[in-house]
C-alpha cells in the first residue's frame, strides 16, 4: 500500500521550476512522485488542484503547441478558448440552457398576454393581435434543438419540429451543402472587443439615427381599424412610442441599413445565397442599377414589447437571417415549409396547426428557409438586422411562391419590389450560363428548367394583366409602380389568414 507523504508546513503551493509538460506527464501516471513537492498521493489530479492550485485546462493553455488544442468556443456568455474535445460538451450545455429560457419565456408571455388582453378594447387591432398570439402560444410545441451532426445524419420528413443549434462555422457548412430544411439558431460573436455589451451601445446609435428621420413606416395596433395597414410617423414620434410603456406597441418597418451594416453579410458569400449579388453585378455591366432591389433585402426592424406579427411567409420564398442587437422574440414556425403547405395556408384561410416555437435572443442569429410560415411576438423592445437571400438552388421554389403570392393576397406581408421581374430575367440568364459552364450544383436539376421558364411567364402575365396593388393603402406612393407587384417593402401588411383566430 502506497502511503502519501504529508505536506509539510511551509511547502510551497506553486513549483515555478516545473514545466506544464512535466505536470501533464505526472497526471498521465509518469513518475512516482509529484514534480512540485515529491508527494506520493495516488489522487494526483486532486493533489495538484488542492496543493498547487493548478488545473489541467490551465496547463494545456500554457503548452507551446496550445493553438493546436484550443479553439474559440461560441457557446458561452463571452467567447472563450476551449479544448477542441470539449466543444460538444459546451454545445450541449448551451442547448439545455437555451431550452430552459425558451420554456420559461413561453410560460411568462402566456401569463402576461392573458392579463393584457383583459384591458384591451375589443374593436382595437391590438385586441385581435393579442388574442390570436395567445391562442398560438397555448397550442404550439417547443422546438427541439439538434446539433449539426444530428442534422446531417438524419433523414428528415415534413413535420419535424426541430431546429439546428450550432456555431457560425457549422451554420456555414450546412448552408454551403444545401438550403437548410429546418431553422438554424447560432450564437453570434460580439460586435466589438469589449464583449456582448457592445450590442447595447450600438443599438443606442440606431435609435438616434431613426429619431432624425422625417418619416418612418409604422404598424400601430392601437387603431380601431382591423385592416392592419402601416402608416407614416415621424422618426421622433416613433422613437417616443418605442420607449413608451403606456401606449400600444408599434412595429417600425424596413428601416434602411447603413452601407457598413449592409456589407457585413457573411451569408451573401455562400454559393447559392450570392444570387442577388451576382445579378447585381451582371445588370451593372448592362448599365442597370439594382441597388434599391439589393438594399430592399437588407433592413432594420424595430419593435416595442408586445408587438406582434401574425402568420405569413417572407416574400418570394426568401431565406431569412435575423440578428437581434437588442431584445428578444418568440418565433413561431410551421414545420411544413413545402409548396403544398404554403398553398394550403393560402387557400384554407386559417393559421397552420403544425407549429413550434423558438426563442431568438440578443446575441444570437436565426436563419430559416423560404416558404417558412411564421408568426412573431416581441418579448422585449427589440432591434433586428434582417437579411433576405434569394438562393439560386431554390429558384423553382422562388418562382412558385411568387406566383402563389400573385394569386393569393394573404401569403406575405410585403409588396414585391418594382425591379423583381428584371431580377428574374437576369437570374434565368445566369442559370443558362452556369449550365453551359457545368455549374449544375448552383441550381435545381436541369429537368426543372422548362417548368421554371413557364412559371416565370405566368408571373409576367399575372403582373401585367392586373394591378396587384389593389388596395391603395398598401402603398403610399402607387405612382412609382413599374412592373409586377410593386413598391418598397411593407413588412406588416394585413393578413386575412390570421383574422379567423382574432375574432
Protein backbone atom coordinates (compact mmCIF):
# COMPACT_ATOMS: atom_id res chain seq x y z
CA UNK A 1 0.00 0.00 0.00
CA UNK A 2 1.37 3.41 -1.04
CA UNK A 3 1.21 5.95 1.77
CA UNK A 4 1.16 9.58 0.62
CA UNK A 5 3.76 11.88 2.08
CA UNK A 6 2.17 14.51 4.31
CA UNK A 7 2.52 18.04 3.06
CA UNK A 8 4.88 19.77 5.49
CA UNK A 9 4.17 23.20 6.88
CA UNK A 10 5.95 25.72 4.74
CA UNK A 11 5.73 23.69 1.49
CA UNK A 12 5.21 25.95 -1.49
CA UNK A 13 1.94 25.55 -3.44
CA UNK A 14 3.43 26.64 -6.74
CA UNK A 15 6.52 24.95 -8.11
CA UNK A 16 7.81 27.52 -10.59
CA UNK A 17 10.61 25.30 -11.86
CA UNK A 18 8.17 22.62 -13.09
CA UNK A 19 7.09 22.90 -16.73
CA UNK A 20 3.46 22.41 -17.90
CA UNK A 21 4.51 19.27 -19.76
CA UNK A 22 6.02 17.79 -16.58
CA UNK A 23 2.75 18.38 -14.72
CA UNK A 24 0.78 16.73 -17.54
CA UNK A 25 3.15 13.77 -17.55
CA UNK A 26 2.60 13.47 -13.79
CA UNK A 27 -1.19 13.41 -14.33
CA UNK A 28 -0.72 10.76 -17.02
CA UNK A 29 0.92 8.46 -14.44
CA UNK A 30 4.56 9.00 -15.27
CA UNK A 31 6.96 9.06 -12.33
CA UNK A 32 6.39 8.03 -8.73
CA UNK A 33 6.12 11.41 -7.01
CA UNK A 34 4.74 14.91 -7.58
CA UNK A 35 7.28 17.03 -9.50
CA UNK A 36 6.40 20.04 -7.36
CA UNK A 37 6.60 18.67 -3.83
CA UNK A 38 7.52 14.95 -4.12
CA UNK A 39 4.12 13.85 -2.76
CA UNK A 40 3.24 10.20 -3.36
CA UNK A 41 -0.53 10.76 -3.29
CA UNK A 42 -2.37 8.36 -5.58
CA UNK A 43 -5.04 11.05 -6.21
CA UNK A 44 -2.80 13.06 -8.48
CA UNK A 45 -5.35 15.43 -10.03
CA UNK A 46 -6.91 16.29 -6.66
CA UNK A 47 -3.46 16.81 -5.15
CA UNK A 48 -2.41 19.14 -7.97
CA UNK A 49 -5.68 21.10 -7.75
CA UNK A 50 -5.67 21.42 -3.97
CA UNK A 51 -2.00 21.91 -3.11
CA UNK A 52 -0.66 23.58 -6.24
CA UNK A 53 -3.81 25.41 -7.44
CA UNK A 54 -3.34 24.08 -10.96
CA UNK A 55 -5.93 22.65 -13.36
CA UNK A 56 -5.46 20.58 -16.45
CA UNK A 57 -7.10 23.15 -18.83
CA UNK A 58 -4.76 25.85 -17.48
CA UNK A 59 -1.74 23.64 -18.11
CA UNK A 60 -2.85 22.84 -21.65
CA UNK A 61 -3.15 26.54 -22.43
CA UNK A 62 0.48 27.00 -21.36
CA UNK A 63 1.84 24.42 -23.80
CA UNK A 64 3.85 25.76 -26.77
CA UNK A 65 1.51 23.99 -29.22
CA UNK A 66 -1.66 25.18 -27.42
CA UNK A 67 -3.07 26.57 -30.69
CA UNK A 68 -3.50 23.01 -31.91
CA UNK A 69 -5.51 22.09 -28.82
CA UNK A 70 -7.65 25.20 -28.20
CA UNK A 71 -10.32 26.79 -30.36
CA UNK A 72 -12.66 29.74 -29.89
CA UNK A 73 -15.90 28.44 -28.41
CA UNK A 74 -19.07 30.50 -29.07
CA UNK A 75 -21.24 28.65 -26.58
CA UNK A 76 -20.53 30.87 -23.57
CA UNK A 77 -21.70 34.25 -22.31
CA UNK A 78 -18.50 35.58 -23.85
CA UNK A 79 -16.43 33.62 -26.41
CA UNK A 80 -13.54 31.78 -24.77
CA UNK A 81 -10.81 29.33 -25.66
CA UNK A 82 -11.83 25.73 -25.05
CA UNK A 83 -10.28 22.37 -25.83
CA UNK A 84 -11.46 21.00 -29.14
CA UNK A 85 -12.63 17.81 -27.50
CA UNK A 86 -14.83 19.81 -25.09
CA UNK A 87 -16.74 21.83 -27.71
CA UNK A 88 -19.53 19.26 -27.93
CA UNK A 89 -19.93 19.40 -24.17
CA UNK A 90 -20.14 23.21 -24.27
CA UNK A 91 -22.69 22.99 -27.10
CA UNK A 92 -24.94 20.55 -25.23
CA UNK A 93 -24.81 22.70 -22.10
CA UNK A 94 -25.75 25.77 -24.13
CA UNK A 95 -28.64 23.87 -25.76
CA UNK A 96 -30.04 22.88 -22.37
CA UNK A 97 -29.77 26.45 -21.11
CA UNK A 98 -31.48 27.77 -24.23
CA UNK A 99 -34.37 25.34 -23.84
CA UNK A 100 -34.84 26.35 -20.19
CA UNK A 101 -35.01 30.01 -21.22
CA UNK A 102 -37.45 29.18 -24.04
CA UNK A 103 -39.81 27.24 -21.78
CA UNK A 104 -39.73 29.95 -19.10
CA UNK A 105 -40.29 32.70 -21.68
CA UNK A 106 -43.32 30.98 -23.24
CA UNK A 107 -44.93 30.47 -19.82
CA UNK A 108 -44.24 34.10 -18.89
CA UNK A 109 -45.58 35.50 -22.18
CA UNK A 110 -48.80 33.47 -21.96
CA UNK A 111 -49.37 34.77 -18.43
CA UNK A 112 -48.65 38.37 -19.43
CA UNK A 113 -50.85 38.21 -22.55
CA UNK A 114 -53.76 36.80 -20.54
CA UNK A 115 -53.57 39.80 -18.22
CA UNK A 116 -53.01 42.24 -21.09
CA UNK A 117 -56.00 41.17 -23.17
CA UNK A 118 -58.42 41.93 -20.33
CA UNK A 119 -57.60 45.65 -20.54
CA UNK A 120 -57.87 45.99 -24.34
CA UNK A 121 -60.81 47.34 -26.34
CA UNK A 122 -62.36 44.53 -28.44
CA UNK A 123 -62.51 46.77 -31.51
CA UNK A 124 -58.81 47.66 -31.48
CA UNK A 125 -56.25 45.91 -33.68
CA UNK A 126 -54.21 45.20 -30.56
CA UNK A 127 -57.01 43.08 -29.10
CA UNK A 128 -57.21 40.96 -32.25
CA UNK A 129 -53.43 40.55 -32.46
CA UNK A 130 -53.08 39.70 -28.77
CA UNK A 131 -55.89 37.13 -28.66
CA UNK A 132 -54.50 35.50 -31.81
CA UNK A 133 -50.96 35.27 -30.40
CA UNK A 134 -52.29 33.95 -27.08
CA UNK A 135 -54.09 31.15 -28.93
CA UNK A 136 -50.96 30.38 -30.96
CA UNK A 137 -48.68 30.16 -27.90
CA UNK A 138 -51.09 27.92 -26.00
CA UNK A 139 -51.37 25.44 -28.87
CA UNK A 140 -47.79 25.35 -30.16
CA UNK A 141 -44.95 22.96 -29.23
CA UNK A 142 -41.48 23.86 -28.01
CA UNK A 143 -38.91 23.48 -30.76
CA UNK A 144 -36.31 20.75 -30.22
CA UNK A 145 -32.66 21.76 -30.75
CA UNK A 146 -30.33 19.36 -32.54
CA UNK A 147 -26.65 19.61 -33.48
CA UNK A 148 -25.17 19.97 -36.94
CA UNK A 149 -24.01 16.34 -36.81
CA UNK A 150 -27.53 15.14 -35.99
CA UNK A 151 -28.95 17.28 -38.80
CA UNK A 152 -26.51 15.96 -41.38
CA UNK A 153 -27.12 12.31 -40.47
CA UNK A 154 -30.89 12.37 -40.10
CA UNK A 155 -33.26 11.69 -42.96
CA UNK A 156 -35.94 14.30 -42.47
CA UNK A 157 -39.66 14.24 -43.13
CA UNK A 158 -42.12 17.12 -43.31
CA UNK A 159 -43.49 17.89 -39.88
CA UNK A 160 -40.21 17.85 -37.94
CA UNK A 161 -40.34 20.36 -35.07
CA UNK A 162 -36.58 20.64 -34.77
CA UNK A 163 -34.07 23.41 -35.29
CA UNK A 164 -30.28 23.31 -35.51
CA UNK A 165 -28.37 24.93 -32.64
CA UNK A 166 -24.79 25.49 -33.71
CA UNK A 167 -21.82 27.81 -34.32
CA UNK A 168 -21.37 30.08 -37.34
CA UNK A 169 -18.92 27.62 -38.86
CA UNK A 170 -21.45 24.80 -38.58
CA UNK A 171 -24.23 27.00 -40.00
CA UNK A 172 -21.98 27.88 -42.93
CA UNK A 173 -21.25 24.19 -43.56
CA UNK A 174 -24.97 23.36 -43.60
CA UNK A 175 -25.89 26.22 -45.94
CA UNK A 176 -22.96 25.54 -48.26
CA UNK A 177 -24.16 21.99 -48.77
CA UNK A 178 -27.79 22.98 -49.50
CA UNK A 179 -30.55 25.32 -48.28
CA UNK A 180 -31.41 24.33 -44.72
CA UNK A 181 -34.55 22.22 -44.32
CA UNK A 182 -35.17 23.45 -40.76
CA UNK A 183 -34.38 26.71 -38.93
CA UNK A 184 -30.91 27.39 -37.54
CA UNK A 185 -30.06 29.29 -34.35
CA UNK A 186 -26.47 30.18 -33.61
CA UNK A 187 -24.52 32.29 -31.15
CA UNK A 188 -23.06 35.48 -32.66
CA UNK A 189 -19.64 36.89 -31.82
CA UNK A 190 -19.56 40.29 -30.07
CA UNK A 191 -19.71 43.40 -32.25
CA UNK A 192 -16.55 44.71 -30.60
CA UNK A 193 -13.71 43.57 -28.35
CA UNK A 194 -15.49 44.69 -25.19
CA UNK A 195 -17.92 41.79 -25.46
CA UNK A 196 -21.65 41.44 -25.84
CA UNK A 197 -22.26 44.76 -24.05
CA UNK A 198 -21.29 46.38 -27.36
CA UNK A 199 -24.74 45.44 -28.70
CA UNK A 200 -26.30 47.87 -26.22
CA UNK A 201 -24.08 50.74 -27.31
CA UNK A 202 -24.70 50.04 -30.99
CA UNK A 203 -28.48 49.89 -30.56
CA UNK A 204 -28.46 53.36 -28.98
CA UNK A 205 -26.82 54.69 -32.13
CA UNK A 206 -29.52 53.07 -34.29
CA UNK A 207 -32.27 54.71 -32.22
CA UNK A 208 -30.62 58.13 -32.51
CA UNK A 209 -30.38 57.66 -36.27
CA UNK A 210 -34.05 56.70 -36.67
CA UNK A 211 -35.16 59.63 -34.49
CA UNK A 212 -33.72 62.09 -37.03
CA UNK A 213 -35.76 60.70 -39.95
CA UNK A 214 -38.63 62.73 -41.35
CA UNK A 215 -40.88 59.68 -41.80
CA UNK A 216 -40.82 56.01 -40.89
CA UNK A 217 -43.30 53.26 -41.74
CA UNK A 218 -45.11 52.06 -38.62
CA UNK A 219 -47.73 49.47 -37.79
CA UNK A 220 -49.85 50.80 -34.92
CA UNK A 221 -52.15 48.18 -33.33
CA UNK A 222 -53.79 50.84 -31.19
CA UNK A 223 -56.02 51.86 -34.11
CA UNK A 224 -59.64 50.69 -34.15
CA UNK A 225 -59.44 49.64 -37.80
CA UNK A 226 -58.69 45.92 -38.22
CA UNK A 227 -57.10 46.13 -41.67
CA UNK A 228 -53.53 46.08 -40.27
CA UNK A 229 -52.22 48.66 -42.75
CA UNK A 230 -48.97 50.52 -41.93
CA UNK A 231 -48.86 54.30 -41.73
CA UNK A 232 -46.36 57.15 -41.69
CA UNK A 233 -44.98 58.56 -38.44
CA UNK A 234 -42.14 60.99 -37.77
CA UNK A 235 -38.93 59.38 -36.59
CA UNK A 236 -39.01 61.38 -33.36
CA UNK A 237 -42.59 60.30 -32.57
CA UNK A 238 -41.83 56.68 -33.47
CA UNK A 239 -38.88 56.55 -31.06
CA UNK A 240 -41.01 58.18 -28.35
CA UNK A 241 -43.61 55.43 -28.84
CA UNK A 242 -40.81 52.85 -28.91
CA UNK A 243 -39.91 53.78 -25.31
CA UNK A 244 -43.49 54.26 -24.09
CA UNK A 245 -44.94 51.80 -21.55
CA UNK A 246 -48.48 53.21 -21.61
CA UNK A 247 -49.32 53.31 -25.33
CA UNK A 248 -49.97 50.41 -27.74
CA UNK A 249 -46.77 48.77 -29.06
CA UNK A 250 -45.60 49.66 -32.55
CA UNK A 251 -43.53 47.95 -35.22
CA UNK A 252 -41.16 50.14 -37.25
CA UNK A 253 -40.82 48.51 -40.64
CA UNK A 254 -37.89 48.09 -43.00
CA UNK A 255 -35.59 50.91 -41.98
CA UNK A 256 -32.54 51.22 -44.22
CA UNK A 257 -29.20 49.89 -43.02
CA UNK A 258 -26.00 51.89 -43.35
CA UNK A 259 -23.51 50.76 -46.00
CA UNK A 260 -21.33 49.17 -43.32
CA UNK A 261 -24.27 47.26 -41.82
CA UNK A 262 -25.41 46.02 -45.23
CA UNK A 263 -21.92 44.86 -46.24
CA UNK A 264 -21.41 42.88 -43.02
CA UNK A 265 -23.16 39.89 -44.57
CA UNK A 266 -21.36 36.55 -44.25
CA UNK A 267 -24.19 34.53 -45.82
CA UNK A 268 -24.08 36.53 -49.06
CA UNK A 269 -20.70 34.94 -49.75
CA UNK A 270 -22.09 31.38 -49.72
CA UNK A 271 -22.56 29.95 -53.26
CA UNK A 272 -26.28 29.97 -53.99
CA UNK A 273 -27.06 32.65 -51.40
CA UNK A 274 -25.00 35.07 -53.51
CA UNK A 275 -27.57 35.15 -56.34
CA UNK A 276 -28.67 38.76 -55.71
CA UNK A 277 -25.05 39.91 -55.72
CA UNK A 278 -24.35 38.04 -58.96
CA UNK A 279 -27.43 39.54 -60.63
CA UNK A 280 -26.47 42.99 -59.34
CA UNK A 281 -23.04 42.75 -60.99
CA UNK A 282 -24.42 41.35 -64.25
CA UNK A 283 -27.05 44.09 -64.50
CA UNK A 284 -24.42 46.71 -63.76
CA UNK A 285 -22.47 45.55 -66.81
CA UNK A 286 -25.59 46.35 -68.85
CA UNK A 287 -25.92 49.79 -67.29
CA UNK A 288 -28.74 48.86 -64.89
CA UNK A 289 -28.56 49.83 -61.23
CA UNK A 290 -30.33 47.34 -58.96
CA UNK A 291 -29.02 48.86 -55.73
CA UNK A 292 -32.55 49.58 -54.44
CA UNK A 293 -33.59 45.98 -55.07
CA UNK A 294 -30.50 44.70 -53.27
CA UNK A 295 -31.00 47.02 -50.30
CA UNK A 296 -34.69 46.15 -50.01
CA UNK A 297 -33.47 42.77 -48.74
CA UNK A 298 -31.27 44.28 -46.02
CA UNK A 299 -33.33 46.18 -43.45
CA UNK A 300 -33.66 47.09 -39.79
CA UNK A 301 -36.80 46.13 -37.87
CA UNK A 302 -37.67 47.86 -34.59
CA UNK A 303 -40.48 46.79 -32.27
CA UNK A 304 -41.89 47.53 -28.81
CA UNK A 305 -42.56 44.86 -26.23
CA UNK A 306 -45.79 43.05 -27.10
CA UNK A 307 -45.55 43.98 -30.80
CA UNK A 308 -46.98 41.08 -32.79
CA UNK A 309 -46.68 39.88 -36.37
CA UNK A 310 -49.27 37.28 -37.39
CA UNK A 311 -48.62 34.25 -39.62
CA UNK A 312 -47.12 34.90 -43.05
CA UNK A 313 -44.27 33.74 -45.28
CA UNK A 314 -41.49 36.09 -46.35
CA UNK A 315 -41.94 37.23 -49.93
CA UNK A 316 -40.53 35.37 -52.95
CA UNK A 317 -39.50 32.33 -50.86
CA UNK A 318 -36.52 34.23 -49.49
CA UNK A 319 -34.19 32.64 -46.96
CA UNK A 320 -34.23 34.98 -43.95
CA UNK A 321 -31.49 35.72 -41.42
CA UNK A 322 -32.49 37.60 -38.27
CA UNK A 323 -29.88 39.09 -35.94
CA UNK A 324 -31.20 40.92 -32.82
CA UNK A 325 -28.87 43.58 -31.43
CA UNK A 326 -31.45 44.45 -28.78
CA UNK A 327 -34.25 42.47 -27.16
CA UNK A 328 -35.71 39.03 -27.83
CA UNK A 329 -38.60 37.47 -29.75
CA UNK A 330 -40.63 34.28 -29.76
CA UNK A 331 -40.60 32.87 -33.29
CA UNK A 332 -43.49 30.52 -34.08
CA UNK A 333 -42.78 28.42 -37.16
CA UNK A 334 -44.78 25.96 -39.24
CA UNK A 335 -42.99 22.63 -39.63
CA UNK A 336 -44.29 22.31 -43.21
CA UNK A 337 -42.27 24.60 -45.48
CA UNK A 338 -43.31 22.99 -48.78
CA UNK A 339 -45.19 24.41 -51.77
CA UNK A 340 -48.17 22.27 -50.78
CA UNK A 341 -48.08 23.59 -47.21
CA UNK A 342 -47.93 27.19 -48.41
CA UNK A 343 -50.77 26.65 -50.88
CA UNK A 344 -52.91 25.09 -48.15
CA UNK A 345 -52.16 28.05 -45.87
CA UNK A 346 -53.29 30.46 -48.58
CA UNK A 347 -56.41 28.61 -49.70
CA UNK A 348 -57.83 27.47 -46.35
CA UNK A 349 -57.56 30.89 -44.73
CA UNK A 350 -56.53 29.54 -41.31
CA UNK A 351 -53.23 29.58 -39.41
CA UNK A 352 -51.07 26.43 -39.59
CA UNK A 353 -51.58 23.87 -36.82
CA UNK A 354 -48.21 22.11 -37.08
CA UNK A 355 -46.17 24.85 -35.38
CA UNK A 356 -43.33 25.04 -32.90
CA UNK A 357 -41.72 27.98 -31.13
CA UNK A 358 -38.10 29.16 -30.82
CA UNK A 359 -36.51 31.92 -28.74
CA UNK A 360 -34.40 34.40 -30.73
CA UNK A 361 -32.34 36.48 -28.31
CA UNK A 362 -29.89 39.35 -28.41
CA UNK A 363 -26.50 37.89 -29.27
CA UNK A 364 -27.97 35.07 -31.38
CA UNK A 365 -28.93 34.66 -35.05
CA UNK A 366 -31.87 32.78 -36.54
CA UNK A 367 -31.99 31.55 -40.14
CA UNK A 368 -35.00 29.98 -41.80
CA UNK A 369 -35.52 28.84 -45.37
CA UNK A 370 -38.01 30.04 -47.94
CA UNK A 371 -41.71 29.14 -47.63
CA UNK A 372 -41.42 29.10 -43.83
CA UNK A 373 -44.77 30.26 -42.44
CA UNK A 374 -44.11 32.10 -39.19
CA UNK A 375 -45.52 34.47 -36.58
CA UNK A 376 -43.56 36.63 -34.13
CA UNK A 377 -44.12 38.01 -30.63
CA UNK A 378 -41.74 40.62 -29.24
CA UNK A 379 -40.78 39.83 -25.64
CA UNK A 380 -38.63 42.93 -25.07
CA UNK A 381 -38.08 46.14 -27.02
CA UNK A 382 -36.04 44.95 -29.96
CA UNK A 383 -33.88 46.00 -32.88
CA UNK A 384 -33.14 43.40 -35.55
CA UNK A 385 -30.90 43.22 -38.56
CA UNK A 386 -32.92 41.38 -41.22
CA UNK A 387 -31.18 39.93 -44.29
CA UNK A 388 -33.05 38.09 -47.05
CA UNK A 389 -31.49 35.86 -49.71
CA UNK A 390 -32.89 34.53 -52.97
CA UNK A 391 -31.00 31.23 -53.21
CA UNK A 392 -30.28 30.06 -56.76
CA UNK A 393 -30.52 26.41 -55.60
CA UNK A 394 -34.18 27.10 -54.72
CA UNK A 395 -35.00 29.05 -57.89
CA UNK A 396 -38.03 26.95 -58.80
CA UNK A 397 -39.48 27.39 -55.30
CA UNK A 398 -38.86 31.14 -55.54
CA UNK A 399 -40.85 31.34 -58.77
CA UNK A 400 -43.63 29.07 -57.49
CA UNK A 401 -44.14 31.10 -54.32
CA UNK A 402 -44.08 34.37 -56.26
CA UNK A 403 -46.85 33.04 -58.50
CA UNK A 404 -48.84 31.93 -55.44
CA UNK A 405 -48.45 35.42 -53.97
CA UNK A 406 -49.95 36.91 -57.12
CA UNK A 407 -52.90 34.52 -56.82
CA UNK A 408 -53.38 34.83 -53.04
CA UNK A 409 -53.01 38.15 -51.28
CA UNK A 410 -52.72 36.65 -47.78
CA UNK A 411 -49.40 34.78 -48.00
CA UNK A 412 -46.89 37.55 -47.38
CA UNK A 413 -46.94 40.92 -45.66
CA UNK A 414 -44.55 42.59 -48.12
CA UNK A 415 -45.10 44.06 -51.57
CA UNK A 416 -42.95 42.85 -54.45
CA UNK A 417 -40.18 45.19 -55.48
CA UNK A 418 -40.64 47.11 -58.71
CA UNK A 419 -37.48 45.51 -60.17
CA UNK A 420 -38.44 41.92 -59.37
CA UNK A 421 -39.12 40.86 -62.97
CA UNK A 422 -35.81 42.38 -64.07
CA UNK A 423 -34.11 40.33 -61.35
CA UNK A 424 -35.83 37.14 -62.51
CA UNK A 425 -34.78 37.71 -66.13
CA UNK A 426 -31.14 38.09 -65.14
CA UNK A 427 -31.34 35.10 -62.77
CA UNK A 428 -32.60 32.88 -65.59
CA UNK A 429 -29.78 34.16 -67.77
CA UNK A 430 -27.27 33.15 -65.09
CA UNK A 431 -28.91 29.72 -64.80
CA UNK A 432 -28.38 29.11 -68.52
CA UNK A 433 -24.77 30.32 -68.37
CA UNK A 434 -23.96 28.13 -65.36
CA UNK A 435 -25.42 25.08 -67.09
CA UNK A 436 -23.16 25.75 -70.07
CA UNK A 437 -20.19 26.02 -67.69
CA UNK A 438 -21.12 22.81 -65.82
CA UNK A 439 -22.01 24.64 -62.59
CA UNK A 440 -25.06 22.47 -62.05
CA UNK A 441 -24.73 22.45 -58.26
CA UNK A 442 -25.78 26.11 -58.02
CA UNK A 443 -29.28 25.48 -59.41
CA UNK A 444 -32.15 22.98 -59.29
CA UNK A 445 -31.87 19.91 -61.51
CA UNK A 446 -31.83 20.80 -65.21
CA UNK A 447 -35.08 18.88 -65.71
CA UNK A 448 -36.89 21.70 -63.84
CA UNK A 449 -35.63 24.45 -66.16
CA UNK A 450 -38.62 24.26 -68.51
CA UNK A 451 -41.05 24.43 -65.58
CA UNK A 452 -39.18 27.44 -64.20
CA UNK A 453 -39.43 29.26 -67.53
CA UNK A 454 -43.14 28.50 -67.77
CA UNK A 455 -43.73 29.72 -64.20
CA UNK A 456 -41.87 32.95 -64.92
CA UNK A 457 -44.06 33.61 -67.96
CA UNK A 458 -47.17 33.08 -65.84
CA UNK A 459 -45.78 35.56 -63.30
CA UNK A 460 -45.20 38.05 -66.11
CA UNK A 461 -48.77 37.59 -67.38
CA UNK A 462 -50.29 37.94 -63.91
CA UNK A 463 -48.23 41.03 -63.22
CA UNK A 464 -49.18 42.82 -66.43
CA UNK A 465 -52.87 41.83 -66.51
CA UNK A 466 -53.82 43.02 -63.03
CA UNK A 467 -52.95 45.77 -60.63
CA UNK A 468 -51.71 43.67 -57.74
CA UNK A 469 -51.54 46.71 -55.52
CA UNK A 470 -55.33 46.80 -55.49
CA UNK A 471 -55.62 48.24 -52.00
CA UNK A 472 -54.23 51.81 -52.28
CA UNK A 473 -53.49 51.83 -48.56
CA UNK A 474 -50.84 49.12 -49.02
CA UNK A 475 -48.57 51.61 -50.80
CA UNK A 476 -48.21 55.25 -50.02
CA UNK A 477 -46.88 56.02 -53.50
CA UNK A 478 -48.63 53.85 -56.07
CA UNK A 479 -47.48 56.16 -58.85
CA UNK A 480 -43.99 54.64 -58.57
CA UNK A 481 -45.31 51.35 -59.94
CA UNK A 482 -43.38 49.96 -62.88
CA UNK A 483 -43.69 46.20 -63.03
CA UNK A 484 -45.50 43.40 -61.26
CA UNK A 485 -46.29 43.67 -57.61
CA UNK A 486 -44.53 46.88 -56.93
CA UNK A 487 -43.18 49.15 -54.29
CA UNK A 488 -40.89 49.36 -51.33
CA UNK A 489 -41.32 46.57 -48.82
CA UNK A 490 -44.02 46.83 -46.17
CA UNK A 491 -43.23 44.16 -43.57
CA UNK A 492 -46.55 44.36 -41.81
CA UNK A 493 -49.36 44.40 -44.35
CA UNK A 494 -52.68 42.84 -43.34
CA UNK A 495 -53.03 39.10 -43.33
CA UNK A 496 -56.50 37.68 -43.75
CA UNK A 497 -55.35 34.20 -42.74
CA UNK A 498 -54.97 35.25 -39.11
CA UNK A 499 -58.24 37.14 -38.74
CA UNK A 500 -60.23 33.97 -38.10
CA UNK A 501 -58.26 33.49 -34.89
CA UNK A 502 -58.51 37.17 -33.97
CA UNK A 503 -62.30 37.17 -33.94
